[in-house]
PDB file of N, CA and C in Angstrom:
ATOM      1  N   MET A   1      44.836 -53.359  -0.855  1.00  0.00           N
ATOM      2  CA  MET A   1      45.353 -54.918  -1.090  1.00  0.00           C
ATOM      3  C   MET A   1      45.309 -55.183  -2.471  1.00  0.00           C
ATOM      4  N   ALA A   2      46.405 -55.725  -3.063  1.00  0.00           N
ATOM      5  CA  ALA A   2      46.378 -56.285  -4.310  1.00  0.00           C
ATOM      6  C   ALA A   2      45.573 -57.661  -4.465  1.00  0.00           C
ATOM      7  N   ASN A   3      44.861 -57.975  -5.487  1.00  0.00           N
ATOM      8  CA  ASN A   3      44.235 -59.256  -5.394  1.00  0.00           C
ATOM      9  C   ASN A   3      44.366 -59.898  -6.857  1.00  0.00           C
ATOM     10  N   CYS A   4      45.188 -59.385  -7.862  1.00  0.00           N
ATOM     11  CA  CYS A   4      45.230 -60.111  -9.098  1.00  0.00           C
ATOM     12  C   CYS A   4      46.796 -60.241  -9.394  1.00  0.00           C
ATOM     13  N   LYS A   5      47.221 -61.325  -9.483  1.00  0.00           N
ATOM     14  CA  LYS A   5      48.594 -61.525  -9.779  1.00  0.00           C
ATOM     15  C   LYS A   5      49.030 -62.081 -10.996  1.00  0.00           C
ATOM     16  N   CYS A   6      49.965 -61.519 -11.505  1.00  0.00           N
ATOM     17  CA  CYS A   6      50.453 -61.950 -12.886  1.00  0.00           C
ATOM     18  C   CYS A   6      50.914 -63.171 -13.045  1.00  0.00           C
ATOM     19  N   ALA A   7      50.580 -64.174 -13.833  1.00  0.00           N
ATOM     20  CA  ALA A   7      51.027 -65.559 -13.882  1.00  0.00           C
ATOM     21  C   ALA A   7      52.500 -65.610 -14.577  1.00  0.00           C
ATOM     22  N   TYR A   8      52.859 -64.558 -15.265  1.00  0.00           N
ATOM     23  CA  TYR A   8      54.116 -64.563 -15.831  1.00  0.00           C
ATOM     24  C   TYR A   8      55.297 -63.947 -15.058  1.00  0.00           C
ATOM     25  N   CYS A   9      54.944 -62.926 -14.182  1.00  0.00           N
ATOM     26  CA  CYS A   9      56.176 -62.489 -13.207  1.00  0.00           C
ATOM     27  C   CYS A   9      55.797 -62.224 -11.769  1.00  0.00           C
ATOM     28  N   SER A  10      54.447 -62.578 -11.333  1.00  0.00           N
ATOM     29  CA  SER A  10      53.945 -62.475 -10.238  1.00  0.00           C
ATOM     30  C   SER A  10      53.807 -61.134  -9.541  1.00  0.00           C
ATOM     31  N   SER A  11      53.741 -60.166 -10.501  1.00  0.00           N
ATOM     32  CA  SER A  11      53.509 -58.776 -10.091  1.00  0.00           C
ATOM     33  C   SER A  11      51.910 -58.751  -9.635  1.00  0.00           C
ATOM     34  N   GLU A  12      51.727 -57.938  -8.585  1.00  0.00           N
ATOM     35  CA  GLU A  12      50.346 -57.888  -8.175  1.00  0.00           C
ATOM     36  C   GLU A  12      49.509 -56.603  -8.585  1.00  0.00           C
ATOM     37  N   PHE A  13      48.329 -56.566  -8.751  1.00  0.00           N
ATOM     38  CA  PHE A  13      47.646 -55.319  -9.184  1.00  0.00           C
ATOM     39  C   PHE A  13      46.212 -55.513  -8.520  1.00  0.00           C
ATOM     40  N   GLU A  14      45.753 -54.173  -8.375  1.00  0.00           N
ATOM     41  CA  GLU A  14      44.477 -54.172  -7.663  1.00  0.00           C
ATOM     42  C   GLU A  14      43.098 -54.547  -8.315  1.00  0.00           C
ATOM     43  N   THR A  15      43.256 -54.485  -9.623  1.00  0.00           N
ATOM     44  CA  THR A  15      42.198 -54.804 -10.419  1.00  0.00           C
ATOM     45  C   THR A  15      42.660 -55.649 -11.665  1.00  0.00           C
ATOM     46  N   ALA A  16      41.640 -56.618 -12.099  1.00  0.00           N
ATOM     47  CA  ALA A  16      41.870 -57.291 -13.289  1.00  0.00           C
ATOM     48  C   ALA A  16      42.250 -56.633 -14.482  1.00  0.00           C
ATOM     49  N   ASP A  17      41.611 -55.498 -14.580  1.00  0.00           N
ATOM     50  CA  ASP A  17      41.906 -54.264 -15.665  1.00  0.00           C
ATOM     51  C   ASP A  17      43.400 -53.847 -15.699  1.00  0.00           C
ATOM     52  N   ASP A  18      43.889 -53.747 -14.512  1.00  0.00           N
ATOM     53  CA  ASP A  18      45.311 -53.282 -14.363  1.00  0.00           C
ATOM     54  C   ASP A  18      46.260 -54.409 -14.743  1.00  0.00           C
ATOM     55  N   LEU A  19      45.922 -55.551 -14.285  1.00  0.00           N
ATOM     56  CA  LEU A  19      46.751 -56.793 -14.496  1.00  0.00           C
ATOM     57  C   LEU A  19      46.493 -56.965 -16.158  1.00  0.00           C
ATOM     58  N   SER A  20      45.501 -56.995 -16.852  1.00  0.00           N
ATOM     59  CA  SER A  20      45.372 -57.106 -18.235  1.00  0.00           C
ATOM     60  C   SER A  20      46.291 -56.048 -18.930  1.00  0.00           C
ATOM     61  N   LYS A  21      46.384 -54.792 -18.446  1.00  0.00           N
ATOM     62  CA  LYS A  21      47.069 -53.860 -19.296  1.00  0.00           C
ATOM     63  C   LYS A  21      48.582 -54.265 -19.120  1.00  0.00           C
ATOM     64  N   HIS A  22      48.824 -54.579 -17.821  1.00  0.00           N
ATOM     65  CA  HIS A  22      50.390 -55.025 -17.536  1.00  0.00           C
ATOM     66  C   HIS A  22      50.741 -56.061 -18.518  1.00  0.00           C
ATOM     67  N   ILE A  23      49.908 -57.058 -18.597  1.00  0.00           N
ATOM     68  CA  ILE A  23      50.205 -58.227 -19.622  1.00  0.00           C
ATOM     69  C   ILE A  23      50.430 -57.789 -20.893  1.00  0.00           C
ATOM     70  N   ASP A  24      49.450 -56.923 -21.397  1.00  0.00           N
ATOM     71  CA  ASP A  24      49.499 -56.294 -22.790  1.00  0.00           C
ATOM     72  C   ASP A  24      50.804 -55.737 -23.041  1.00  0.00           C
ATOM     73  N   ARG A  25      51.083 -54.773 -22.036  1.00  0.00           N
ATOM     74  CA  ARG A  25      52.429 -53.926 -22.367  1.00  0.00           C
ATOM     75  C   ARG A  25      53.617 -54.702 -22.122  1.00  0.00           C
ATOM     76  N   ILE A  26      53.664 -55.519 -20.868  1.00  0.00           N
ATOM     77  CA  ILE A  26      54.888 -56.200 -20.658  1.00  0.00           C
ATOM     78  C   ILE A  26      55.266 -57.593 -21.143  1.00  0.00           C
ATOM     79  N   HIS A  27      54.326 -58.321 -21.294  1.00  0.00           N
ATOM     80  CA  HIS A  27      54.507 -59.688 -21.819  1.00  0.00           C
ATOM     81  C   HIS A  27      54.321 -60.088 -23.191  1.00  0.00           C
ATOM     82  N   HIS A  28      52.992 -59.975 -23.622  1.00  0.00           N
ATOM     83  CA  HIS A  28      52.888 -60.244 -25.056  1.00  0.00           C
ATOM     84  C   HIS A  28      51.623 -59.731 -25.838  1.00  0.00           C
ATOM     85  N   GLY A  29      51.404 -58.538 -25.510  1.00  0.00           N
ATOM     86  CA  GLY A  29      50.134 -58.168 -26.133  1.00  0.00           C
ATOM     87  C   GLY A  29      48.880 -58.767 -25.880  1.00  0.00           C
ATOM     88  N   SER A  30      47.760 -58.779 -26.550  1.00  0.00           N
ATOM     89  CA  SER A  30      46.358 -59.294 -26.172  1.00  0.00           C
ATOM     90  C   SER A  30      46.667 -60.613 -25.667  1.00  0.00           C
ATOM     91  N   GLY A  31      45.960 -60.970 -24.683  1.00  0.00           N
ATOM     92  CA  GLY A  31      46.174 -62.164 -23.819  1.00  0.00           C
ATOM     93  C   GLY A  31      44.851 -63.070 -23.403  1.00  0.00           C
ATOM     94  N   LEU A  32      45.066 -64.092 -22.690  1.00  0.00           N
ATOM     95  CA  LEU A  32      43.726 -64.775 -22.417  1.00  0.00           C
ATOM     96  C   LEU A  32      42.844 -64.128 -21.428  1.00  0.00           C
ATOM     97  N   LEU A  33      43.252 -62.954 -20.755  1.00  0.00           N
ATOM     98  CA  LEU A  33      42.202 -62.425 -19.959  1.00  0.00           C
ATOM     99  C   LEU A  33      41.332 -61.716 -20.852  1.00  0.00           C
ATOM    100  N   GLU A  34      41.580 -61.079 -22.202  1.00  0.00           N
ATOM    101  CA  GLU A  34      40.837 -60.464 -23.009  1.00  0.00           C
ATOM    102  C   GLU A  34      39.932 -61.762 -23.809  1.00  0.00           C
ATOM    103  N   GLY A  35      40.204 -62.893 -23.686  1.00  0.00           N
ATOM    104  CA  GLY A  35      39.462 -63.900 -24.283  1.00  0.00           C
ATOM    105  C   GLY A  35      40.050 -64.261 -25.680  1.00  0.00           C
ATOM    106  N   ASP A  36      41.224 -63.627 -25.853  1.00  0.00           N
ATOM    107  CA  ASP A  36      41.543 -63.741 -27.309  1.00  0.00           C
ATOM    108  C   ASP A  36      42.543 -64.916 -27.317  1.00  0.00           C
ATOM    109  N   THR A  37      42.139 -66.264 -27.795  1.00  0.00           N
ATOM    110  CA  THR A  37      43.004 -67.370 -27.736  1.00  0.00           C
ATOM    111  C   THR A  37      43.573 -67.794 -29.073  1.00  0.00           C
ATOM    112  N   ARG A  38      43.379 -66.942 -30.052  1.00  0.00           N
ATOM    113  CA  ARG A  38      43.872 -67.040 -31.434  1.00  0.00           C
ATOM    114  C   ARG A  38      45.278 -67.427 -31.499  1.00  0.00           C
ATOM    115  N   LYS A  39      46.283 -66.713 -30.761  1.00  0.00           N
ATOM    116  CA  LYS A  39      47.392 -66.864 -30.837  1.00  0.00           C
ATOM    117  C   LYS A  39      48.094 -68.107 -29.903  1.00  0.00           C
ATOM    118  N   TYR A  40      47.176 -68.897 -29.370  1.00  0.00           N
ATOM    119  CA  TYR A  40      47.733 -69.973 -28.310  1.00  0.00           C
ATOM    120  C   TYR A  40      47.210 -71.278 -29.016  1.00  0.00           C
TER     121      TYR A  40
END
């Protein structure tokens, strides 16, 4: 059962790591899940 949902496209992932990799690849590179707030 998926338990992590992408805030951008609502795709669901098994783990936070999978979700983070998806955001990195698909949406905008390093994101808030990694704690990188420099771009925001």
